Amino acid sequence: MAQIKMRRAVEADLRSIAAINTAVFLGDRDRLESALEWVTCWFHAYPLYQYFVVEVDGTLAGYAGWQVHGGFKRAEPVVELDQIGIAREYQGLGLAPDLMRKCMREIVEWTKQKNDRIESHVTFVVWGYTFNFNALSVYAKQFGDGVCGFRTQFGSRAESMLRLRMPVILPVRDA
């Protein structure tokens, strides 16, 4: 049985993240060096942007990038799944849903440690192309509040927003 491990990304992971990005996404980062530049910029934006990776038997098989919106001390923080990519040879093994769940738990714990103003929830959102049924079906199982909005950006394809408000259990604060 394969050994699967999820962890926060380190700088040594960036080339592998960029390689997965170029293999599974089309667009302006479809060349490795362009993707590496992009990934490196976001990696250095921590804690605004946080990368996590999943390894299978010690090989980096996928990644997820999460962006914190609106500040780190919000009463109800909003965190967006900006991108998730699984190398083609590892797709279909359930790595993406597992990675999303584990990342969400890790981000909630991180938020509890860093944010003394949090009141009750961390809100997670993800945008997916409305007609990318494969992606939306995976997201729908993790972002349990369902579709909560739609948008088009500059005439591009329509996107659907899915949301999950995850409760945060905190100890009682002193007045």
Protein backbone atom coordinates (compact mmCIF):
# COMPACT_ATOMS: atom_id res chain seq x y z
CA MET A 1 0.00 0.00 0.00
CA ALA A 2 1.27 3.46 -0.91
CA GLN A 3 2.30 5.83 1.86
CA ILE A 4 0.50 9.17 1.48
CA LYS A 5 1.65 12.26 3.36
CA MET A 6 0.30 15.82 3.36
CA ARG A 7 2.47 18.71 4.59
CA ARG A 8 3.15 22.40 4.14
CA ALA A 9 5.30 23.12 1.10
CA VAL A 10 8.94 24.11 1.48
CA GLU A 11 11.06 26.03 -1.01
CA ALA A 12 12.59 22.81 -2.35
CA ASP A 13 9.08 21.79 -3.56
CA LEU A 14 8.57 24.77 -5.86
CA ARG A 15 10.00 23.24 -9.06
CA SER A 16 7.78 20.15 -8.61
CA ILE A 17 4.74 22.34 -7.94
CA ALA A 18 5.52 24.35 -11.09
CA ALA A 19 5.94 21.15 -13.14
CA ILE A 20 2.54 19.87 -12.00
CA ASN A 21 1.03 23.29 -12.73
CA THR A 22 2.32 23.28 -16.31
CA ALA A 23 1.12 19.71 -16.86
CA VAL A 24 -2.45 20.14 -15.62
CA PHE A 25 -3.35 23.79 -16.35
CA LEU A 26 -3.35 25.70 -19.63
CA GLY A 27 -2.66 29.39 -19.95
CA ASP A 28 0.03 31.92 -19.20
CA ARG A 29 2.01 29.54 -16.99
CA ASP A 30 2.23 26.65 -19.44
CA ARG A 31 6.02 26.90 -19.57
CA LEU A 32 8.00 25.61 -16.60
CA GLU A 33 10.04 28.77 -16.01
CA SER A 34 6.92 30.97 -16.09
CA ALA A 35 5.14 28.66 -13.69
CA LEU A 36 8.17 28.53 -11.40
CA GLU A 37 8.33 32.33 -11.27
CA TRP A 38 4.61 32.48 -10.43
CA VAL A 39 4.79 29.75 -7.78
CA THR A 40 7.87 31.33 -6.19
CA CYS A 41 6.15 34.72 -5.90
CA TRP A 42 3.15 33.17 -4.16
CA PHE A 43 5.33 31.01 -1.92
CA HIS A 44 7.12 34.13 -0.66
CA ALA A 45 3.77 35.82 0.03
CA TYR A 46 3.27 33.61 3.11
CA PRO A 47 1.14 33.87 5.24
CA LEU A 48 -1.11 35.62 2.70
CA TYR A 49 -0.71 32.59 0.45
CA GLN A 50 -0.06 29.08 1.75
CA TYR A 51 1.02 26.03 -0.25
CA PHE A 52 0.48 22.45 0.84
CA VAL A 53 1.71 19.33 -0.95
CA VAL A 54 0.78 15.67 -1.00
CA GLU A 55 3.43 12.99 -1.43
CA VAL A 56 2.94 9.39 -2.49
CA ASP A 57 5.81 7.14 -1.44
CA GLY A 58 8.05 10.20 -1.11
CA THR A 59 7.23 11.65 -4.55
CA LEU A 60 5.40 14.97 -4.76
CA ALA A 61 2.07 14.08 -6.37
CA GLY A 62 0.07 17.27 -5.96
CA TYR A 63 -0.34 20.63 -4.33
CA ALA A 64 -2.92 23.13 -3.15
CA GLY A 65 -2.53 26.90 -2.87
CA TRP A 66 -4.74 28.83 -0.44
CA GLN A 67 -5.10 32.61 -0.22
CA VAL A 68 -6.20 34.46 2.92
CA HIS A 69 -8.49 37.39 2.07
CA GLY A 70 -9.00 40.64 3.93
CA GLY A 71 -6.45 40.37 6.73
CA PHE A 72 -5.26 37.93 9.34
CA LYS A 73 -7.22 39.29 12.32
CA ARG A 74 -10.76 39.17 10.98
CA ALA A 75 -13.55 37.95 13.22
CA GLU A 76 -14.55 35.55 10.43
CA PRO A 77 -11.58 34.92 8.11
CA VAL A 78 -12.10 34.04 4.44
CA VAL A 79 -9.66 31.63 2.79
CA GLU A 80 -9.84 30.76 -0.91
CA LEU A 81 -8.62 27.57 -2.54
CA ASP A 82 -6.81 29.32 -5.37
CA GLN A 83 -5.45 26.24 -7.09
CA ILE A 84 -5.20 22.51 -6.65
CA GLY A 85 -3.21 20.31 -8.98
CA ILE A 86 -2.59 16.58 -8.96
CA ALA A 87 -0.02 15.06 -11.33
CA ARG A 88 -1.77 13.06 -14.04
CA GLU A 89 -0.33 9.71 -12.94
CA TYR A 90 -1.87 10.22 -9.47
CA GLN A 91 -5.29 11.50 -10.55
CA GLY A 92 -8.28 9.36 -9.63
CA LEU A 93 -6.79 8.14 -6.34
CA GLY A 94 -8.78 10.53 -4.14
CA LEU A 95 -5.76 12.69 -3.35
CA ALA A 96 -7.44 16.03 -4.13
CA PRO A 97 -10.40 15.62 -1.75
CA ASP A 98 -8.12 14.33 1.00
CA LEU A 99 -5.67 17.18 0.47
CA MET A 100 -8.48 19.77 0.61
CA ARG A 101 -9.88 18.35 3.87
CA LYS A 102 -6.48 18.18 5.54
CA CYS A 103 -5.54 21.67 4.38
CA MET A 104 -8.78 23.09 5.75
CA ARG A 105 -8.13 21.51 9.14
CA GLU A 106 -4.54 22.77 9.15
CA ILE A 107 -5.62 26.29 8.18
CA VAL A 108 -8.26 26.35 10.93
CA GLU A 109 -5.62 25.33 13.49
CA TRP A 110 -3.18 27.92 12.12
CA THR A 111 -5.92 30.58 12.29
CA LYS A 112 -6.76 29.70 15.89
CA GLN A 113 -3.11 30.20 16.85
CA LYS A 114 -2.60 33.45 14.90
CA ASN A 115 -5.94 35.22 15.28
CA ASP A 116 -7.15 36.27 18.72
CA ARG A 117 -10.21 38.02 17.23
CA ILE A 118 -11.80 35.02 15.54
CA GLU A 119 -15.39 34.54 16.67
CA SER A 120 -16.93 31.40 15.27
CA HIS A 121 -16.02 30.32 11.73
CA VAL A 122 -13.41 30.23 9.03
CA THR A 123 -15.10 30.56 5.64
CA PHE A 124 -13.51 28.60 2.80
CA VAL A 125 -14.37 29.39 -0.82
CA VAL A 126 -13.38 28.05 -4.22
CA TRP A 127 -14.19 29.29 -7.71
CA GLY A 128 -14.52 26.76 -10.51
CA TYR A 129 -15.53 27.07 -14.15
CA THR A 130 -19.26 26.43 -14.19
CA PHE A 131 -19.01 23.82 -16.95
CA ASN A 132 -16.00 22.01 -15.47
CA PHE A 133 -18.26 19.35 -14.01
CA ASN A 134 -15.40 17.13 -12.85
CA ALA A 135 -13.84 19.86 -10.72
CA LEU A 136 -17.16 21.12 -9.39
CA SER A 137 -18.23 17.63 -8.34
CA VAL A 138 -15.01 17.24 -6.33
CA TYR A 139 -15.38 20.72 -4.81
CA ALA A 140 -19.05 20.17 -3.95
CA LYS A 141 -18.15 17.29 -1.64
CA GLN A 142 -15.70 19.45 0.33
CA PHE A 143 -17.39 22.85 0.21
CA GLY A 144 -20.65 21.65 1.72
CA ASP A 145 -22.59 24.93 1.66
CA GLY A 146 -22.88 24.47 -2.10
CA VAL A 147 -22.87 27.05 -4.88
CA CYS A 148 -23.15 30.51 -3.36
CA GLY A 149 -22.34 32.79 -6.28
CA PHE A 150 -21.43 33.20 -9.93
CA ARG A 151 -19.12 35.54 -11.85
CA THR A 152 -17.53 36.20 -15.19
CA GLN A 153 -14.26 38.08 -15.39
CA PHE A 154 -13.84 40.39 -18.35
CA GLY A 155 -16.10 38.28 -20.54
CA SER A 156 -14.40 34.98 -19.75
CA ARG A 157 -16.12 31.72 -18.92
CA ALA A 158 -18.64 31.72 -16.09
CA GLU A 159 -17.40 30.58 -12.69
CA SER A 160 -19.33 29.20 -9.72
CA MET A 161 -18.33 29.87 -6.13
CA LEU A 162 -18.71 27.12 -3.55
CA ARG A 163 -18.40 27.80 0.16
CA LEU A 164 -17.89 26.04 3.48
CA ARG A 165 -18.17 27.78 6.83
CA MET A 166 -16.07 25.68 9.20
CA PRO A 167 -16.76 26.19 12.92
CA VAL A 168 -13.84 27.06 15.15
CA ILE A 169 -14.00 25.83 18.74
CA LEU A 170 -12.10 28.19 21.01
CA PRO A 171 -11.62 28.26 24.76
CA VAL A 172 -13.67 30.82 26.65
CA ARG A 173 -11.88 34.17 26.65
CA ASP A 174 -11.34 36.34 29.68
CA ALA A 175 -13.40 39.52 29.58
